[in-house]
């Protein structure tokens, strides 16, 4: 699959539109794209499963509507057909045969929806057939021996006779339709994967939530290092309960430190959704930029802390997808994340 980020007209934009770009995917890339697309429904599926390959029984991507505790589990089926031409009737008879045979045998329930997903749309002949279930059924029956009888299974034939023929003749083919490339692209743009795929329409970063009133368990390591720094500065032990009675600059620093810790925490979640690995890369850059400051001589641990935070806030960042979203508060917060990880300390032993 071409990497849109490597294309240069204009900067950070794909040379091809998304609708054109998806036509260049491999069949495997296309299934992965449709799996991402299926995450964009509102309300969301309980689960999206991609099982395309040998033995998939004509189900590339499945949208499960109910939890796994509900059996049989109702679903929607998406059949990914990545060809170099608009979808034609001859491209779908085998898939419709699988749908009829496997639901007839009870291998899975009749889906609520069955959708072909072709990146080059459907051709006019198939479009007309999909608009007439009677004609679609008649053509499926007429093409059964050629496209279905010996091709649904490598070890078993399914002649269209007896109970199977009666089943096909009454099967409600109105569940079968198709998705246009524009529909797929538009829905994909509402998922967390869009910017990662196409490097366009940068996702907005949500406002970070305020820190909870009480220190949380996962904050204990960096908070302990803050208390060490305050104690080193004041020349006496300091606990959380002591903070309100300490000089204003100490309490102010503690409040700001917790605020930036949670700002960076929110950035980590944002990065995980849109720029995987980006947060860890920036955090490592901050570590490399401030670790020498923490090892230098300072009057006390509090002054070391302040010097490291100043250094972090002023650090330029290497170019990355996440960099434009990173502000001084994030970089200060990363210092506390690094302290939480045991990689920075304000009082050297």
C-alpha atoms as a PDB file:
ATOM      1  CA  UNK A   1       0.000   0.000   0.000  1.00  0.00           C
ATOM      2  CA  UNK A   2       1.465   3.410  -0.901  1.00  0.00           C
ATOM      3  CA  UNK A   3       2.281   5.589   2.062  1.00  0.00           C
ATOM      4  CA  UNK A   4       0.357   8.867   1.663  1.00  0.00           C
ATOM      5  CA  UNK A   5       2.893  10.553   3.915  1.00  0.00           C
ATOM      6  CA  UNK A   6       5.571  10.023   1.238  1.00  0.00           C
ATOM      7  CA  UNK A   7       3.619  11.927  -1.419  1.00  0.00           C
ATOM      8  CA  UNK A   8       4.396  15.585  -1.821  1.00  0.00           C
ATOM      9  CA  UNK A   9       1.610  17.503  -3.565  1.00  0.00           C
ATOM     10  CA  UNK A  10       0.815  19.514  -1.465  1.00  0.00           C
ATOM     11  CA  UNK A  11       2.840  18.959   1.757  1.00  0.00           C
ATOM     12  CA  UNK A  12       1.255  16.490   4.176  1.00  0.00           C
ATOM     13  CA  UNK A  13      -1.529  15.801   1.662  1.00  0.00           C
ATOM     14  CA  UNK A  14      -1.942  12.643  -0.405  1.00  0.00           C
ATOM     15  CA  UNK A  15      -1.292  13.110  -4.117  1.00  0.00           C
ATOM     16  CA  UNK A  16      -4.376  10.966  -4.687  1.00  0.00           C
ATOM     17  CA  UNK A  17      -7.787  11.586  -3.176  1.00  0.00           C
ATOM     18  CA  UNK A  18      -8.805   8.966  -0.606  1.00  0.00           C
ATOM     19  CA  UNK A  19     -11.319   7.468  -3.053  1.00  0.00           C
ATOM     20  CA  UNK A  20      -8.548   7.025  -5.626  1.00  0.00           C
ATOM     21  CA  UNK A  21      -5.979   5.934  -3.077  1.00  0.00           C
ATOM     22  CA  UNK A  22      -8.053   3.017  -1.776  1.00  0.00           C
ATOM     23  CA  UNK A  23      -8.085   1.627  -5.299  1.00  0.00           C
ATOM     24  CA  UNK A  24      -4.316   1.066  -5.031  1.00  0.00           C
ATOM     25  CA  UNK A  25      -4.581  -1.132  -1.938  1.00  0.00           C
ATOM     26  CA  UNK A  26      -3.904  -4.842  -1.958  1.00  0.00           C
ATOM     27  CA  UNK A  27      -6.830  -7.114  -1.191  1.00  0.00           C
ATOM     28  CA  UNK A  28      -5.477  -7.620   2.345  1.00  0.00           C
ATOM     29  CA  UNK A  29      -5.057  -3.866   2.896  1.00  0.00           C
ATOM     30  CA  UNK A  30      -8.614  -3.382   1.683  1.00  0.00           C
ATOM     31  CA  UNK A  31     -10.007  -5.836   4.220  1.00  0.00           C
ATOM     32  CA  UNK A  32      -8.087  -4.014   6.964  1.00  0.00           C
ATOM     33  CA  UNK A  33      -9.506  -0.694   5.730  1.00  0.00           C
ATOM     34  CA  UNK A  34     -13.082  -2.026   5.759  1.00  0.00           C
ATOM     35  CA  UNK A  35     -12.503  -3.374   9.266  1.00  0.00           C
ATOM     36  CA  UNK A  36     -11.488   0.150  10.343  1.00  0.00           C
ATOM     37  CA  UNK A  37     -14.500   1.586   8.504  1.00  0.00           C
ATOM     38  CA  UNK A  38     -16.839  -0.711  10.405  1.00  0.00           C
ATOM     39  CA  UNK A  39     -15.685   0.909  13.658  1.00  0.00           C
ATOM     40  CA  UNK A  40     -17.308   4.164  12.515  1.00  0.00           C
ATOM     41  CA  UNK A  41     -20.948   3.202  13.034  1.00  0.00           C
ATOM     42  CA  UNK A  42     -23.075   5.090  15.549  1.00  0.00           C
ATOM     43  CA  UNK A  43     -24.324   3.209  17.464  1.00  0.00           C
ATOM     44  CA  UNK A  44     -21.233   1.042  17.349  1.00  0.00           C
ATOM     45  CA  UNK A  45     -21.183  -2.687  16.838  1.00  0.00           C
ATOM     46  CA  UNK A  46     -20.629  -4.776  19.925  1.00  0.00           C
ATOM     47  CA  UNK A  47     -17.660  -6.276  18.075  1.00  0.00           C
ATOM     48  CA  UNK A  48     -16.096  -6.056  14.622  1.00  0.00           C
ATOM     49  CA  UNK A  49     -14.373  -9.238  13.472  1.00  0.00           C
ATOM     50  CA  UNK A  50     -12.214  -9.636  10.383  1.00  0.00           C
ATOM     51  CA  UNK A  51     -11.927 -13.264   9.328  1.00  0.00           C
ATOM     52  CA  UNK A  52     -11.339 -13.011   5.570  1.00  0.00           C
ATOM     53  CA  UNK A  53      -9.353 -15.880   4.112  1.00  0.00           C
ATOM     54  CA  UNK A  54      -9.706 -19.604   3.529  1.00  0.00           C
ATOM     55  CA  UNK A  55     -12.713 -20.935   5.411  1.00  0.00           C
ATOM     56  CA  UNK A  56     -14.368 -17.553   5.977  1.00  0.00           C
ATOM     57  CA  UNK A  57     -17.641 -18.875   4.471  1.00  0.00           C
ATOM     58  CA  UNK A  58     -18.095 -15.646   2.535  1.00  0.00           C
ATOM     59  CA  UNK A  59     -17.575 -13.347   5.516  1.00  0.00           C
ATOM     60  CA  UNK A  60     -14.586 -11.016   5.275  1.00  0.00           C
ATOM     61  CA  UNK A  61     -15.667  -8.543   7.969  1.00  0.00           C
ATOM     62  CA  UNK A  62     -18.467  -9.185  10.441  1.00  0.00           C
ATOM     63  CA  UNK A  63     -20.242  -6.570  12.528  1.00  0.00           C
ATOM     64  CA  UNK A  64     -21.687  -8.312  15.583  1.00  0.00           C
ATOM     65  CA  UNK A  65     -24.803  -6.518  16.796  1.00  0.00           C
ATOM     66  CA  UNK A  66     -25.243  -8.253  20.146  1.00  0.00           C
ATOM     67  CA  UNK A  67     -22.810  -9.507  22.812  1.00  0.00           C
ATOM     68  CA  UNK A  68     -21.314 -12.973  22.513  1.00  0.00           C
ATOM     69  CA  UNK A  69     -23.743 -14.221  25.146  1.00  0.00           C
ATOM     70  CA  UNK A  70     -26.583 -13.924  22.596  1.00  0.00           C
ATOM     71  CA  UNK A  71     -26.805 -17.011  20.395  1.00  0.00           C
ATOM     72  CA  UNK A  72     -27.278 -17.178  17.503  1.00  0.00           C
ATOM     73  CA  UNK A  73     -25.416 -13.900  17.355  1.00  0.00           C
ATOM     74  CA  UNK A  74     -27.065 -11.462  14.890  1.00  0.00           C
ATOM     75  CA  UNK A  75     -24.655  -9.717  12.566  1.00  0.00           C
ATOM     76  CA  UNK A  76     -23.994  -7.721   9.428  1.00  0.00           C
ATOM     77  CA  UNK A  77     -21.604  -9.152   6.824  1.00  0.00           C
ATOM     78  CA  UNK A  78     -19.249  -7.142   4.616  1.00  0.00           C
ATOM     79  CA  UNK A  79     -17.710  -8.905   1.644  1.00  0.00           C
ATOM     80  CA  UNK A  80     -14.578  -7.086   0.452  1.00  0.00           C
ATOM     81  CA  UNK A  81     -14.158  -7.295  -3.325  1.00  0.00           C
ATOM     82  CA  UNK A  82     -10.985  -5.464  -4.336  1.00  0.00           C
ATOM     83  CA  UNK A  83     -10.813  -5.876  -8.101  1.00  0.00           C
ATOM     84  CA  UNK A  84      -9.385  -3.732 -10.892  1.00  0.00           C
ATOM     85  CA  UNK A  85     -12.860  -3.099 -12.286  1.00  0.00           C
ATOM     86  CA  UNK A  86     -16.345  -2.195 -11.054  1.00  0.00           C
ATOM     87  CA  UNK A  87     -18.076  -5.213  -9.584  1.00  0.00           C
ATOM     88  CA  UNK A  88     -19.859  -7.361 -12.163  1.00  0.00           C
ATOM     89  CA  UNK A  89     -22.505 -10.103 -11.727  1.00  0.00           C
ATOM     90  CA  UNK A  90     -19.933 -12.832 -12.363  1.00  0.00           C
ATOM     91  CA  UNK A  91     -17.904 -11.526  -9.400  1.00  0.00           C
ATOM     92  CA  UNK A  92     -20.662 -12.157  -6.870  1.00  0.00           C
ATOM     93  CA  UNK A  93     -22.425 -15.431  -7.693  1.00  0.00           C
ATOM     94  CA  UNK A  94     -19.968 -17.493  -5.686  1.00  0.00           C
ATOM     95  CA  UNK A  95     -20.338 -15.197  -2.667  1.00  0.00           C
ATOM     96  CA  UNK A  96     -24.127 -15.298  -2.812  1.00  0.00           C
ATOM     97  CA  UNK A  97     -23.928 -19.073  -3.159  1.00  0.00           C
ATOM     98  CA  UNK A  98     -21.840 -19.230   0.038  1.00  0.00           C
ATOM     99  CA  UNK A  99     -24.354 -17.017   1.809  1.00  0.00           C
ATOM    100  CA  UNK A 100     -27.225 -19.326   0.878  1.00  0.00           C
ATOM    101  CA  UNK A 101     -25.399 -22.608   1.534  1.00  0.00           C
ATOM    102  CA  UNK A 102     -23.886 -21.699   4.884  1.00  0.00           C
ATOM    103  CA  UNK A 103     -27.042 -20.121   6.277  1.00  0.00           C
ATOM    104  CA  UNK A 104     -29.033 -23.118   5.006  1.00  0.00           C
ATOM    105  CA  UNK A 105     -26.659 -25.442   6.865  1.00  0.00           C
ATOM    106  CA  UNK A 106     -26.883 -23.312   9.981  1.00  0.00           C
ATOM    107  CA  UNK A 107     -23.202 -22.341  10.023  1.00  0.00           C
ATOM    108  CA  UNK A 108     -24.246 -18.765  10.800  1.00  0.00           C
ATOM    109  CA  UNK A 109     -27.573 -16.904  10.929  1.00  0.00           C
ATOM    110  CA  UNK A 110     -28.968 -14.949   7.995  1.00  0.00           C
ATOM    111  CA  UNK A 111     -27.360 -11.524   8.421  1.00  0.00           C
ATOM    112  CA  UNK A 112     -29.354  -8.396   9.013  1.00  0.00           C
ATOM    113  CA  UNK A 113     -27.398  -6.827   6.163  1.00  0.00           C
ATOM    114  CA  UNK A 114     -25.066  -8.317   3.581  1.00  0.00           C
ATOM    115  CA  UNK A 115     -22.972  -5.695   1.795  1.00  0.00           C
ATOM    116  CA  UNK A 116     -20.437  -5.921  -0.993  1.00  0.00           C
ATOM    117  CA  UNK A 117     -17.598  -3.431  -0.434  1.00  0.00           C
ATOM    118  CA  UNK A 118     -15.849  -2.717  -3.766  1.00  0.00           C
ATOM    119  CA  UNK A 119     -13.413   0.243  -4.014  1.00  0.00           C
ATOM    120  CA  UNK A 120     -14.372   0.736  -7.672  1.00  0.00           C
ATOM    121  CA  UNK A 121     -18.119   0.632  -7.096  1.00  0.00           C
ATOM    122  CA  UNK A 122     -20.497  -1.730  -8.929  1.00  0.00           C
ATOM    123  CA  UNK A 123     -21.101  -1.852 -12.640  1.00  0.00           C
ATOM    124  CA  UNK A 124     -24.507  -1.073 -14.178  1.00  0.00           C
ATOM    125  CA  UNK A 125     -25.467  -4.731 -14.758  1.00  0.00           C
ATOM    126  CA  UNK A 126     -24.955  -5.696 -11.138  1.00  0.00           C
ATOM    127  CA  UNK A 127     -26.564  -2.466  -9.950  1.00  0.00           C
ATOM    128  CA  UNK A 128     -29.716  -3.293 -11.896  1.00  0.00           C
ATOM    129  CA  UNK A 129     -29.808  -6.846 -10.528  1.00  0.00           C
ATOM    130  CA  UNK A 130     -29.357  -5.665  -6.933  1.00  0.00           C
ATOM    131  CA  UNK A 131     -32.365  -3.430  -7.421  1.00  0.00           C
ATOM    132  CA  UNK A 132     -34.526  -6.427  -8.349  1.00  0.00           C
ATOM    133  CA  UNK A 133     -34.320  -9.366  -5.954  1.00  0.00           C
ATOM    134  CA  UNK A 134     -36.394 -11.568  -8.266  1.00  0.00           C
ATOM    135  CA  UNK A 135     -33.992 -11.030 -11.170  1.00  0.00           C
ATOM    136  CA  UNK A 136     -31.004 -11.424  -8.848  1.00  0.00           C
ATOM    137  CA  UNK A 137     -32.356 -14.773  -7.613  1.00  0.00           C
ATOM    138  CA  UNK A 138     -33.149 -15.979 -11.129  1.00  0.00           C
ATOM    139  CA  UNK A 139     -29.608 -15.147 -12.304  1.00  0.00           C
ATOM    140  CA  UNK A 140     -28.074 -16.784  -9.235  1.00  0.00           C
ATOM    141  CA  UNK A 141     -29.984 -19.991  -9.971  1.00  0.00           C
ATOM    142  CA  UNK A 142     -29.033 -19.826 -13.650  1.00  0.00           C
ATOM    143  CA  UNK A 143     -25.342 -19.414 -12.778  1.00  0.00           C
ATOM    144  CA  UNK A 144     -25.278 -21.913  -9.891  1.00  0.00           C
ATOM    145  CA  UNK A 145     -23.669 -24.831 -11.673  1.00  0.00           C
ATOM    146  CA  UNK A 146     -20.906 -22.635 -13.138  1.00  0.00           C
ATOM    147  CA  UNK A 147     -20.043 -20.466 -10.121  1.00  0.00           C
ATOM    148  CA  UNK A 148     -21.307 -22.268  -7.015  1.00  0.00           C
ATOM    149  CA  UNK A 149     -21.831 -26.007  -7.274  1.00  0.00           C
ATOM    150  CA  UNK A 150     -18.159 -27.014  -7.110  1.00  0.00           C
ATOM    151  CA  UNK A 151     -16.634 -23.748  -5.873  1.00  0.00           C
ATOM    152  CA  UNK A 152     -18.202 -23.200  -2.457  1.00  0.00           C
ATOM    153  CA  UNK A 153     -16.112 -26.013  -0.965  1.00  0.00           C
ATOM    154  CA  UNK A 154     -12.952 -27.779  -2.082  1.00  0.00           C
ATOM    155  CA  UNK A 155     -14.240 -31.117  -0.812  1.00  0.00           C
ATOM    156  CA  UNK A 156     -17.981 -31.022  -1.315  1.00  0.00           C
ATOM    157  CA  UNK A 157     -20.414 -30.270  -4.122  1.00  0.00           C
ATOM    158  CA  UNK A 158     -23.650 -28.382  -3.607  1.00  0.00           C
ATOM    159  CA  UNK A 159     -26.012 -29.183  -6.473  1.00  0.00           C
ATOM    160  CA  UNK A 160     -29.048 -26.926  -6.503  1.00  0.00           C
ATOM    161  CA  UNK A 161     -31.663 -29.579  -5.838  1.00  0.00           C
ATOM    162  CA  UNK A 162     -34.128 -30.552  -3.155  1.00  0.00           C
ATOM    163  CA  UNK A 163     -34.083 -28.639   0.098  1.00  0.00           C
ATOM    164  CA  UNK A 164     -31.213 -26.380  -0.957  1.00  0.00           C
ATOM    165  CA  UNK A 165     -33.024 -25.289  -4.111  1.00  0.00           C
ATOM    166  CA  UNK A 166     -36.205 -24.615  -2.160  1.00  0.00           C
ATOM    167  CA  UNK A 167     -34.131 -22.561   0.316  1.00  0.00           C
ATOM    168  CA  UNK A 168     -32.506 -20.473  -2.426  1.00  0.00           C
ATOM    169  CA  UNK A 169     -35.842 -19.919  -4.130  1.00  0.00           C
ATOM    170  CA  UNK A 170     -37.302 -18.392  -0.967  1.00  0.00           C
ATOM    171  CA  UNK A 171     -34.145 -16.693   0.395  1.00  0.00           C
ATOM    172  CA  UNK A 172     -34.729 -12.982   1.078  1.00  0.00           C
ATOM    173  CA  UNK A 173     -32.081 -11.403  -1.110  1.00  0.00           C
ATOM    174  CA  UNK A 174     -33.197  -7.914  -0.084  1.00  0.00           C
ATOM    175  CA  UNK A 175     -30.533  -8.131   2.636  1.00  0.00           C
ATOM    176  CA  UNK A 176     -27.927  -7.906  -0.164  1.00  0.00           C
ATOM    177  CA  UNK A 177     -26.717  -4.486  -1.296  1.00  0.00           C
ATOM    178  CA  UNK A 178     -23.408  -2.687  -1.804  1.00  0.00           C
ATOM    179  CA  UNK A 179     -21.391   0.221  -0.426  1.00  0.00           C
ATOM    180  CA  UNK A 180     -20.105   2.981  -2.671  1.00  0.00           C
ATOM    181  CA  UNK A 181     -16.463   4.066  -2.313  1.00  0.00           C
ATOM    182  CA  UNK A 182     -17.661   7.528  -1.242  1.00  0.00           C
ATOM    183  CA  UNK A 183     -19.839   6.020   1.507  1.00  0.00           C
ATOM    184  CA  UNK A 184     -16.934   3.984   2.799  1.00  0.00           C
ATOM    185  CA  UNK A 185     -14.484   6.888   2.733  1.00  0.00           C
ATOM    186  CA  UNK A 186     -16.942   9.291   4.374  1.00  0.00           C
ATOM    187  CA  UNK A 187     -17.640   6.925   7.251  1.00  0.00           C
ATOM    188  CA  UNK A 188     -13.959   6.073   7.648  1.00  0.00           C
ATOM    189  CA  UNK A 189     -13.285   9.807   8.123  1.00  0.00           C
ATOM    190  CA  UNK A 190     -15.253   9.587  11.386  1.00  0.00           C
ATOM    191  CA  UNK A 191     -12.959   6.924  12.820  1.00  0.00           C
ATOM    192  CA  UNK A 192      -9.722   7.276  14.757  1.00  0.00           C
ATOM    193  CA  UNK A 193      -7.864   5.725  11.812  1.00  0.00           C
ATOM    194  CA  UNK A 194      -8.571   8.420   9.224  1.00  0.00           C
ATOM    195  CA  UNK A 195      -5.655  10.777   9.823  1.00  0.00           C
ATOM    196  CA  UNK A 196      -3.245   7.873  10.281  1.00  0.00           C
ATOM    197  CA  UNK A 197      -4.272   6.561   6.853  1.00  0.00           C
ATOM    198  CA  UNK A 198      -4.406   9.736   4.809  1.00  0.00           C
ATOM    199  CA  UNK A 199      -2.508  12.440   6.739  1.00  0.00           C
ATOM    200  CA  UNK A 200      -5.318  14.911   6.105  1.00  0.00           C
ATOM    201  CA  UNK A 201      -7.912  16.587   8.309  1.00  0.00           C
ATOM    202  CA  UNK A 202      -5.785  16.596  11.481  1.00  0.00           C
ATOM    203  CA  UNK A 203      -7.881  15.373  14.384  1.00  0.00           C
ATOM    204  CA  UNK A 204      -8.806  17.962  17.026  1.00  0.00           C
ATOM    205  CA  UNK A 205      -7.262  17.384  20.405  1.00  0.00           C
ATOM    206  CA  UNK A 206      -9.909  17.308  23.150  1.00  0.00           C
ATOM    207  CA  UNK A 207      -9.511  19.581  26.144  1.00  0.00           C
ATOM    208  CA  UNK A 208      -7.779  17.671  28.950  1.00  0.00           C
ATOM    209  CA  UNK A 209      -9.875  16.924  32.014  1.00  0.00           C
ATOM    210  CA  UNK A 210      -8.945  18.566  35.332  1.00  0.00           C
ATOM    211  CA  UNK A 211      -7.002  16.412  37.771  1.00  0.00           C
ATOM    212  CA  UNK A 212      -9.111  14.571  40.341  1.00  0.00           C
ATOM    213  CA  UNK A 213      -9.243  16.291  43.749  1.00  0.00           C
ATOM    214  CA  UNK A 214      -7.372  13.498  45.506  1.00  0.00           C
ATOM    215  CA  UNK A 215      -4.020  12.048  44.504  1.00  0.00           C
ATOM    216  CA  UNK A 216      -4.585   8.779  42.660  1.00  0.00           C
ATOM    217  CA  UNK A 217      -2.666   5.576  43.266  1.00  0.00           C
ATOM    218  CA  UNK A 218      -0.891   5.751  39.914  1.00  0.00           C
ATOM    219  CA  UNK A 219       0.448   9.218  40.849  1.00  0.00           C
ATOM    220  CA  UNK A 220       2.284   8.089  43.962  1.00  0.00           C
ATOM    221  CA  UNK A 221       5.797   7.714  42.465  1.00  0.00           C
ATOM    222  CA  UNK A 222       6.095  11.220  40.983  1.00  0.00           C
ATOM    223  CA  UNK A 223       4.268  12.787  43.938  1.00  0.00           C
ATOM    224  CA  UNK A 224       6.788  11.140  46.283  1.00  0.00           C
ATOM    225  CA  UNK A 225       9.605  12.728  44.283  1.00  0.00           C
ATOM    226  CA  UNK A 226       7.908  16.119  44.530  1.00  0.00           C
ATOM    227  CA  UNK A 227       7.635  15.761  48.297  1.00  0.00           C
ATOM    228  CA  UNK A 228      11.332  14.815  48.408  1.00  0.00           C
ATOM    229  CA  UNK A 229      12.181  17.995  46.501  1.00  0.00           C
ATOM    230  CA  UNK A 230      10.079  20.167  48.825  1.00  0.00           C
ATOM    231  CA  UNK A 231      11.593  18.538  51.910  1.00  0.00           C
ATOM    232  CA  UNK A 232      15.106  19.074  50.547  1.00  0.00           C
ATOM    233  CA  UNK A 233      14.312  22.737  49.959  1.00  0.00           C
ATOM    234  CA  UNK A 234      12.722  23.302  53.378  1.00  0.00           C
ATOM    235  CA  UNK A 235      15.095  21.127  55.368  1.00  0.00           C
ATOM    236  CA  UNK A 236      12.348  19.071  56.969  1.00  0.00           C
ATOM    237  CA  UNK A 237      10.115  16.109  56.071  1.00  0.00           C
ATOM    238  CA  UNK A 238       7.019  16.952  53.998  1.00  0.00           C
ATOM    239  CA  UNK A 239       3.829  14.914  53.602  1.00  0.00           C
ATOM    240  CA  UNK A 240       0.705  15.553  51.557  1.00  0.00           C
ATOM    241  CA  UNK A 241      -1.062  16.703  54.700  1.00  0.00           C
ATOM    242  CA  UNK A 242       1.626  19.366  55.232  1.00  0.00           C
ATOM    243  CA  UNK A 243       1.195  21.045  51.838  1.00  0.00           C
ATOM    244  CA  UNK A 244      -1.549  23.584  52.739  1.00  0.00           C
ATOM    245  CA  UNK A 245       0.635  25.006  55.522  1.00  0.00           C
ATOM    246  CA  UNK A 246       3.775  25.356  53.395  1.00  0.00           C
ATOM    247  CA  UNK A 247       4.903  28.478  51.471  1.00  0.00           C
ATOM    248  CA  UNK A 248       2.588  29.443  48.618  1.00  0.00           C
ATOM    249  CA  UNK A 249       5.181  28.657  45.946  1.00  0.00           C
ATOM    250  CA  UNK A 250       5.325  25.031  47.136  1.00  0.00           C
ATOM    251  CA  UNK A 251       1.570  24.481  47.052  1.00  0.00           C
ATOM    252  CA  UNK A 252       1.345  26.313  43.723  1.00  0.00           C
ATOM    253  CA  UNK A 253       4.026  24.073  42.233  1.00  0.00           C
ATOM    254  CA  UNK A 254       2.289  20.949  43.494  1.00  0.00           C
ATOM    255  CA  UNK A 255      -1.043  22.019  41.982  1.00  0.00           C
ATOM    256  CA  UNK A 256       0.593  22.914  38.664  1.00  0.00           C
ATOM    257  CA  UNK A 257       2.555  19.659  38.625  1.00  0.00           C
ATOM    258  CA  UNK A 258      -0.575  17.551  39.035  1.00  0.00           C
ATOM    259  CA  UNK A 259      -2.303  19.612  36.355  1.00  0.00           C
ATOM    260  CA  UNK A 260       0.476  19.106  33.819  1.00  0.00           C
ATOM    261  CA  UNK A 261       0.749  15.401  34.698  1.00  0.00           C
ATOM    262  CA  UNK A 262      -2.881  14.910  33.680  1.00  0.00           C
ATOM    263  CA  UNK A 263      -2.514  17.154  30.627  1.00  0.00           C
ATOM    264  CA  UNK A 264       0.300  14.873  29.461  1.00  0.00           C
ATOM    265  CA  UNK A 265      -1.824  11.864  30.403  1.00  0.00           C
ATOM    266  CA  UNK A 266      -4.566  13.121  28.074  1.00  0.00           C
ATOM    267  CA  UNK A 267      -1.976  13.665  25.335  1.00  0.00           C
ATOM    268  CA  UNK A 268      -0.861  10.048  25.736  1.00  0.00           C
ATOM    269  CA  UNK A 269      -4.423   8.831  25.126  1.00  0.00           C
ATOM    270  CA  UNK A 270      -4.831  11.157  22.144  1.00  0.00           C
ATOM    271  CA  UNK A 271      -1.537   9.924  20.706  1.00  0.00           C
ATOM    272  CA  UNK A 272      -2.528   6.283  21.192  1.00  0.00           C
ATOM    273  CA  UNK A 273      -5.679   6.839  19.130  1.00  0.00           C
ATOM    274  CA  UNK A 274      -4.190   8.950  16.333  1.00  0.00           C
ATOM    275  CA  UNK A 275      -0.364   8.851  16.429  1.00  0.00           C
ATOM    276  CA  UNK A 276       0.707   5.468  17.826  1.00  0.00           C
ATOM    277  CA  UNK A 277       4.143   5.677  19.392  1.00  0.00           C
ATOM    278  CA  UNK A 278       4.208   9.466  19.139  1.00  0.00           C
ATOM    279  CA  UNK A 279       3.882  10.136  22.853  1.00  0.00           C
ATOM    280  CA  UNK A 280       6.684   7.760  23.808  1.00  0.00           C
ATOM    281  CA  UNK A 281       8.924   9.359  21.204  1.00  0.00           C
ATOM    282  CA  UNK A 282       8.344  12.867  22.535  1.00  0.00           C
ATOM    283  CA  UNK A 283       8.719  11.689  26.140  1.00  0.00           C
ATOM    284  CA  UNK A 284      12.085  10.155  25.306  1.00  0.00           C
ATOM    285  CA  UNK A 285      13.111  13.436  23.673  1.00  0.00           C
ATOM    286  CA  UNK A 286      12.140  15.330  26.835  1.00  0.00           C
ATOM    287  CA  UNK A 287      14.112  12.867  28.949  1.00  0.00           C
ATOM    288  CA  UNK A 288      17.207  13.309  26.809  1.00  0.00           C
ATOM    289  CA  UNK A 289      16.806  17.080  27.023  1.00  0.00           C
ATOM    290  CA  UNK A 290      16.482  17.382  30.799  1.00  0.00           C
ATOM    291  CA  UNK A 291      18.338  14.450  32.350  1.00  0.00           C
ATOM    292  CA  UNK A 292      21.639  16.348  32.431  1.00  0.00           C
ATOM    293  CA  UNK A 293      19.885  19.228  34.192  1.00  0.00           C
ATOM    294  CA  UNK A 294      18.803  16.904  36.983  1.00  0.00           C
ATOM    295  CA  UNK A 295      22.377  15.630  37.387  1.00  0.00           C
ATOM    296  CA  UNK A 296      23.898  19.111  37.583  1.00  0.00           C
ATOM    297  CA  UNK A 297      24.514  20.979  40.852  1.00  0.00           C
ATOM    298  CA  UNK A 298      21.561  22.860  42.344  1.00  0.00           C
ATOM    299  CA  UNK A 299      20.989  24.504  45.724  1.00  0.00           C
ATOM    300  CA  UNK A 300      18.330  21.887  46.495  1.00  0.00           C
ATOM    301  CA  UNK A 301      15.845  19.463  44.954  1.00  0.00           C
ATOM    302  CA  UNK A 302      13.151  22.090  44.444  1.00  0.00           C
ATOM    303  CA  UNK A 303      15.526  24.266  42.424  1.00  0.00           C
ATOM    304  CA  UNK A 304      16.518  21.193  40.413  1.00  0.00           C
ATOM    305  CA  UNK A 305      12.858  20.506  39.686  1.00  0.00           C
ATOM    306  CA  UNK A 306      12.223  24.084  38.541  1.00  0.00           C
ATOM    307  CA  UNK A 307      15.310  24.091  36.317  1.00  0.00           C
ATOM    308  CA  UNK A 308      14.262  20.802  34.679  1.00  0.00           C
ATOM    309  CA  UNK A 309      10.729  22.068  34.059  1.00  0.00           C
ATOM    310  CA  UNK A 310      12.039  25.282  32.490  1.00  0.00           C
ATOM    311  CA  UNK A 311      14.337  23.256  30.253  1.00  0.00           C
ATOM    312  CA  UNK A 312      11.534  20.892  29.237  1.00  0.00           C
ATOM    313  CA  UNK A 313       9.124  23.718  28.373  1.00  0.00           C
ATOM    314  CA  UNK A 314      11.672  25.339  26.051  1.00  0.00           C
ATOM    315  CA  UNK A 315      12.774  22.174  24.253  1.00  0.00           C
ATOM    316  CA  UNK A 316      12.207  22.210  20.486  1.00  0.00           C
ATOM    317  CA  UNK A 317      10.675  18.990  19.225  1.00  0.00           C
ATOM    318  CA  UNK A 318      11.650  16.942  16.177  1.00  0.00           C
ATOM    319  CA  UNK A 319       9.037  16.869  13.451  1.00  0.00           C
ATOM    320  CA  UNK A 320       6.341  14.251  13.904  1.00  0.00           C
ATOM    321  CA  UNK A 321       2.587  13.956  13.518  1.00  0.00           C
ATOM    322  CA  UNK A 322       2.143  14.578  17.241  1.00  0.00           C
ATOM    323  CA  UNK A 323       4.581  17.511  17.582  1.00  0.00           C
ATOM    324  CA  UNK A 324       2.107  20.288  16.610  1.00  0.00           C
ATOM    325  CA  UNK A 325      -0.147  19.203  19.477  1.00  0.00           C
ATOM    326  CA  UNK A 326       2.580  19.336  22.147  1.00  0.00           C
ATOM    327  CA  UNK A 327       2.754  22.483  24.270  1.00  0.00           C
ATOM    328  CA  UNK A 328       4.937  23.557  27.218  1.00  0.00           C
ATOM    329  CA  UNK A 329       2.480  22.094  29.737  1.00  0.00           C
ATOM    330  CA  UNK A 330       2.676  18.707  28.005  1.00  0.00           C
ATOM    331  CA  UNK A 331       6.475  18.730  28.160  1.00  0.00           C
ATOM    332  CA  UNK A 332       6.418  19.667  31.844  1.00  0.00           C
ATOM    333  CA  UNK A 333       3.892  16.924  32.465  1.00  0.00           C
ATOM    334  CA  UNK A 334       6.145  14.436  30.703  1.00  0.00           C
ATOM    335  CA  UNK A 335       8.823  15.224  33.296  1.00  0.00           C
ATOM    336  CA  UNK A 336       6.429  13.978  35.957  1.00  0.00           C
ATOM    337  CA  UNK A 337       5.594  10.938  33.841  1.00  0.00           C
ATOM    338  CA  UNK A 338       9.325  10.239  33.619  1.00  0.00           C
ATOM    339  CA  UNK A 339       9.608  10.660  37.384  1.00  0.00           C
ATOM    340  CA  UNK A 340       6.676   8.269  37.718  1.00  0.00           C
ATOM    341  CA  UNK A 341       8.629   5.787  35.585  1.00  0.00           C
ATOM    342  CA  UNK A 342      11.684   6.158  37.833  1.00  0.00           C
ATOM    343  CA  UNK A 343      13.717   7.824  35.075  1.00  0.00           C
ATOM    344  CA  UNK A 344      14.023  11.296  36.636  1.00  0.00           C
ATOM    345  CA  UNK A 345      14.552  12.420  40.211  1.00  0.00           C
ATOM    346  CA  UNK A 346      14.912  15.880  41.724  1.00  0.00           C
ATOM    347  CA  UNK A 347      17.023  14.865  44.697  1.00  0.00           C
ATOM    348  CA  UNK A 348      20.093  12.794  43.855  1.00  0.00           C
ATOM    349  CA  UNK A 349      21.013  10.129  46.348  1.00  0.00           C
END
